[in-house]
């Protein structure tokens, strides 16, 4: 089992639902400004599609959407 294996009796370990700027920088190898720019763009797309409310905290994007849009497989 890997380092993120669940404890015995646990179906799966809880995943992180959101990506912050540090994770975006790590995945894409970009600088902080570019990561924030991408997060803003992805948030705008989700808000326009009605999948996210404008009240959602800034500086984070749903992990699943980020990975899908950036064509990253985990």
N, C-alpha and C. Protein backbone atom coordinates (compact mmCIF):
# COMPACT_ATOMS: atom_id res chain seq x y z
N UNK A 1 0.84 -1.20 0.00
CA UNK A 1 0.00 0.00 0.00
C UNK A 1 0.87 1.25 0.00
N UNK A 2 0.33 2.33 -0.56
CA UNK A 2 1.06 3.59 -0.62
C UNK A 2 1.01 4.34 0.69
N UNK A 3 1.62 5.48 0.71
CA UNK A 3 1.69 6.32 1.91
C UNK A 3 0.32 6.88 2.29
N UNK A 4 -0.60 6.97 1.31
CA UNK A 4 -1.91 7.53 1.58
C UNK A 4 -2.96 6.44 1.81
N UNK A 5 -2.53 5.24 2.12
CA UNK A 5 -3.47 4.14 2.32
C UNK A 5 -4.34 4.41 3.54
N UNK A 6 -5.58 3.98 3.45
CA UNK A 6 -6.54 4.18 4.54
C UNK A 6 -6.23 3.21 5.68
N UNK A 7 -6.64 3.59 6.87
CA UNK A 7 -6.47 2.75 8.05
C UNK A 7 -7.38 1.53 7.91
N UNK A 8 -7.04 0.42 8.58
CA UNK A 8 -7.88 -0.77 8.51
C UNK A 8 -9.32 -0.44 8.93
N UNK A 9 -10.27 -0.93 8.15
CA UNK A 9 -11.68 -0.70 8.46
C UNK A 9 -12.23 0.58 7.86
N UNK A 10 -11.37 1.38 7.24
CA UNK A 10 -11.80 2.63 6.61
C UNK A 10 -11.86 2.40 5.11
N UNK A 11 -12.97 2.75 4.50
CA UNK A 11 -13.15 2.51 3.07
C UNK A 11 -12.13 3.28 2.25
N UNK A 12 -11.99 4.56 2.52
CA UNK A 12 -10.97 5.36 1.84
C UNK A 12 -10.65 6.57 2.69
N UNK A 13 -9.46 7.10 2.48
CA UNK A 13 -9.08 8.29 3.22
C UNK A 13 -9.74 9.50 2.56
N UNK A 14 -10.10 10.50 3.35
CA UNK A 14 -10.77 11.66 2.76
C UNK A 14 -9.82 12.43 1.85
N UNK A 15 -10.30 12.75 0.67
CA UNK A 15 -9.48 13.50 -0.27
C UNK A 15 -9.70 14.99 -0.09
N UNK A 16 -8.83 15.77 -0.64
CA UNK A 16 -9.01 17.21 -0.58
C UNK A 16 -9.90 17.60 -1.74
N UNK A 17 -10.93 18.37 -1.47
CA UNK A 17 -11.91 18.74 -2.48
C UNK A 17 -11.46 19.97 -3.27
N UNK A 18 -10.65 20.82 -2.68
CA UNK A 18 -10.25 22.07 -3.32
C UNK A 18 -8.74 22.14 -3.53
N UNK A 19 -8.33 22.85 -4.57
CA UNK A 19 -6.91 23.12 -4.83
C UNK A 19 -6.66 24.59 -4.52
N UNK A 20 -5.62 24.86 -3.78
CA UNK A 20 -5.21 26.23 -3.51
C UNK A 20 -4.06 26.60 -4.43
N UNK A 21 -3.56 27.79 -4.24
CA UNK A 21 -2.50 28.30 -5.11
C UNK A 21 -1.23 27.46 -5.03
N UNK A 22 -0.88 26.98 -3.86
CA UNK A 22 0.35 26.20 -3.71
C UNK A 22 0.27 24.91 -4.52
N UNK A 23 -0.88 24.26 -4.51
CA UNK A 23 -1.04 23.02 -5.27
C UNK A 23 -1.03 23.28 -6.77
N UNK A 24 -1.68 24.35 -7.20
CA UNK A 24 -1.69 24.70 -8.62
C UNK A 24 -0.26 24.96 -9.08
N UNK A 25 0.52 25.68 -8.28
CA UNK A 25 1.91 25.95 -8.60
C UNK A 25 2.71 24.65 -8.71
N UNK A 26 2.46 23.73 -7.80
CA UNK A 26 3.17 22.45 -7.79
C UNK A 26 2.81 21.61 -9.02
N UNK A 27 1.52 21.51 -9.32
CA UNK A 27 1.08 20.71 -10.46
C UNK A 27 1.61 21.26 -11.78
N UNK A 28 1.56 22.57 -11.95
CA UNK A 28 1.88 23.18 -13.24
C UNK A 28 3.30 23.72 -13.33
N UNK A 29 3.99 23.83 -12.20
CA UNK A 29 5.35 24.37 -12.21
C UNK A 29 5.38 25.83 -12.61
N UNK A 30 4.38 26.57 -12.17
CA UNK A 30 4.30 27.99 -12.53
C UNK A 30 4.50 28.86 -11.29
N UNK A 31 4.55 30.16 -11.51
CA UNK A 31 4.71 31.09 -10.40
C UNK A 31 3.35 31.44 -9.80
N UNK A 32 3.40 32.08 -8.64
CA UNK A 32 2.19 32.40 -7.88
C UNK A 32 1.20 33.25 -8.67
N UNK A 33 1.68 34.27 -9.36
CA UNK A 33 0.79 35.14 -10.13
C UNK A 33 0.01 34.36 -11.18
N UNK A 34 0.69 33.48 -11.89
CA UNK A 34 0.05 32.68 -12.94
C UNK A 34 -0.96 31.71 -12.33
N UNK A 35 -0.63 31.15 -11.17
CA UNK A 35 -1.55 30.22 -10.50
C UNK A 35 -2.83 30.94 -10.09
N UNK A 36 -2.70 32.14 -9.51
CA UNK A 36 -3.89 32.91 -9.13
C UNK A 36 -4.71 33.30 -10.37
N UNK A 37 -4.03 33.64 -11.44
CA UNK A 37 -4.73 33.99 -12.68
C UNK A 37 -5.56 32.81 -13.18
N UNK A 38 -4.97 31.62 -13.16
CA UNK A 38 -5.69 30.42 -13.59
C UNK A 38 -6.88 30.12 -12.68
N UNK A 39 -6.67 30.24 -11.37
CA UNK A 39 -7.76 29.99 -10.42
C UNK A 39 -8.91 30.95 -10.67
N UNK A 40 -8.60 32.24 -10.89
CA UNK A 40 -9.65 33.23 -11.19
C UNK A 40 -10.42 32.85 -12.44
N UNK A 41 -9.69 32.43 -13.48
CA UNK A 41 -10.33 32.05 -14.74
C UNK A 41 -11.25 30.84 -14.55
N UNK A 42 -10.77 29.83 -13.86
CA UNK A 42 -11.58 28.63 -13.64
C UNK A 42 -12.81 28.93 -12.79
N UNK A 43 -12.65 29.79 -11.77
CA UNK A 43 -13.79 30.20 -10.94
C UNK A 43 -14.84 30.91 -11.78
N UNK A 44 -14.39 31.82 -12.66
CA UNK A 44 -15.31 32.55 -13.53
C UNK A 44 -16.10 31.59 -14.42
N UNK A 45 -15.41 30.59 -14.97
CA UNK A 45 -16.09 29.59 -15.81
C UNK A 45 -17.17 28.87 -15.02
N UNK A 46 -16.84 28.47 -13.81
CA UNK A 46 -17.80 27.74 -12.98
C UNK A 46 -18.99 28.62 -12.57
N UNK A 47 -18.72 29.88 -12.27
CA UNK A 47 -19.78 30.81 -11.88
C UNK A 47 -20.71 31.06 -13.06
N UNK A 48 -20.15 31.28 -14.25
CA UNK A 48 -20.95 31.51 -15.45
C UNK A 48 -21.81 30.30 -15.79
N UNK A 49 -21.28 29.09 -15.52
CA UNK A 49 -22.02 27.86 -15.80
C UNK A 49 -23.06 27.57 -14.72
N UNK A 50 -23.04 28.36 -13.64
CA UNK A 50 -23.99 28.15 -12.55
C UNK A 50 -23.62 27.02 -11.61
N UNK A 51 -22.38 26.56 -11.68
CA UNK A 51 -21.93 25.45 -10.84
C UNK A 51 -21.24 25.91 -9.57
N UNK A 52 -21.04 27.22 -9.44
CA UNK A 52 -20.36 27.78 -8.28
C UNK A 52 -20.97 29.14 -8.00
N UNK A 53 -21.11 29.47 -6.74
CA UNK A 53 -21.68 30.78 -6.39
C UNK A 53 -20.55 31.79 -6.22
N UNK A 54 -20.82 33.07 -6.50
CA UNK A 54 -19.79 34.10 -6.32
C UNK A 54 -19.33 34.22 -4.87
N UNK A 55 -20.13 33.72 -3.93
CA UNK A 55 -19.77 33.79 -2.52
C UNK A 55 -18.70 32.76 -2.15
N UNK A 56 -18.39 31.84 -3.06
CA UNK A 56 -17.37 30.83 -2.82
C UNK A 56 -16.03 31.52 -2.57
N UNK A 57 -15.26 31.07 -1.58
CA UNK A 57 -13.99 31.74 -1.23
C UNK A 57 -13.03 31.82 -2.42
N UNK A 58 -12.40 32.95 -2.56
CA UNK A 58 -11.45 33.14 -3.65
C UNK A 58 -10.13 32.47 -3.31
N UNK A 59 -9.35 32.18 -4.34
CA UNK A 59 -8.04 31.57 -4.12
C UNK A 59 -8.06 30.07 -4.10
N UNK A 60 -9.23 29.47 -4.37
CA UNK A 60 -9.34 28.01 -4.42
C UNK A 60 -10.28 27.64 -5.55
N UNK A 61 -10.07 26.43 -6.06
CA UNK A 61 -10.91 25.92 -7.14
C UNK A 61 -11.16 24.44 -6.86
N UNK A 62 -12.34 23.93 -7.21
CA UNK A 62 -12.59 22.50 -6.98
C UNK A 62 -11.54 21.65 -7.70
N UNK A 63 -10.96 20.73 -6.96
CA UNK A 63 -9.87 19.89 -7.45
C UNK A 63 -10.25 19.14 -8.73
N UNK A 64 -11.43 18.52 -8.73
CA UNK A 64 -11.86 17.72 -9.88
C UNK A 64 -11.90 18.57 -11.14
N UNK A 65 -12.44 19.78 -11.05
CA UNK A 65 -12.54 20.66 -12.21
C UNK A 65 -11.15 21.12 -12.67
N UNK A 66 -10.30 21.47 -11.72
CA UNK A 66 -8.94 21.89 -12.05
C UNK A 66 -8.19 20.79 -12.80
N UNK A 67 -8.22 19.57 -12.27
CA UNK A 67 -7.51 18.47 -12.90
C UNK A 67 -8.08 18.16 -14.28
N UNK A 68 -9.39 18.24 -14.42
CA UNK A 68 -10.05 17.98 -15.69
C UNK A 68 -9.66 19.03 -16.73
N UNK A 69 -9.74 20.29 -16.38
CA UNK A 69 -9.46 21.39 -17.31
C UNK A 69 -7.98 21.44 -17.71
N UNK A 70 -7.10 21.06 -16.80
CA UNK A 70 -5.66 21.09 -17.07
C UNK A 70 -5.15 19.75 -17.62
N UNK A 71 -6.09 18.83 -17.83
CA UNK A 71 -5.77 17.49 -18.37
C UNK A 71 -4.68 16.79 -17.56
N UNK A 72 -4.87 16.78 -16.25
CA UNK A 72 -3.93 16.13 -15.34
C UNK A 72 -4.60 14.89 -14.79
N UNK A 73 -3.92 13.76 -14.89
CA UNK A 73 -4.45 12.51 -14.34
C UNK A 73 -3.72 12.21 -13.04
N UNK A 74 -4.52 11.83 -12.03
CA UNK A 74 -3.92 11.50 -10.74
C UNK A 74 -3.81 10.00 -10.58
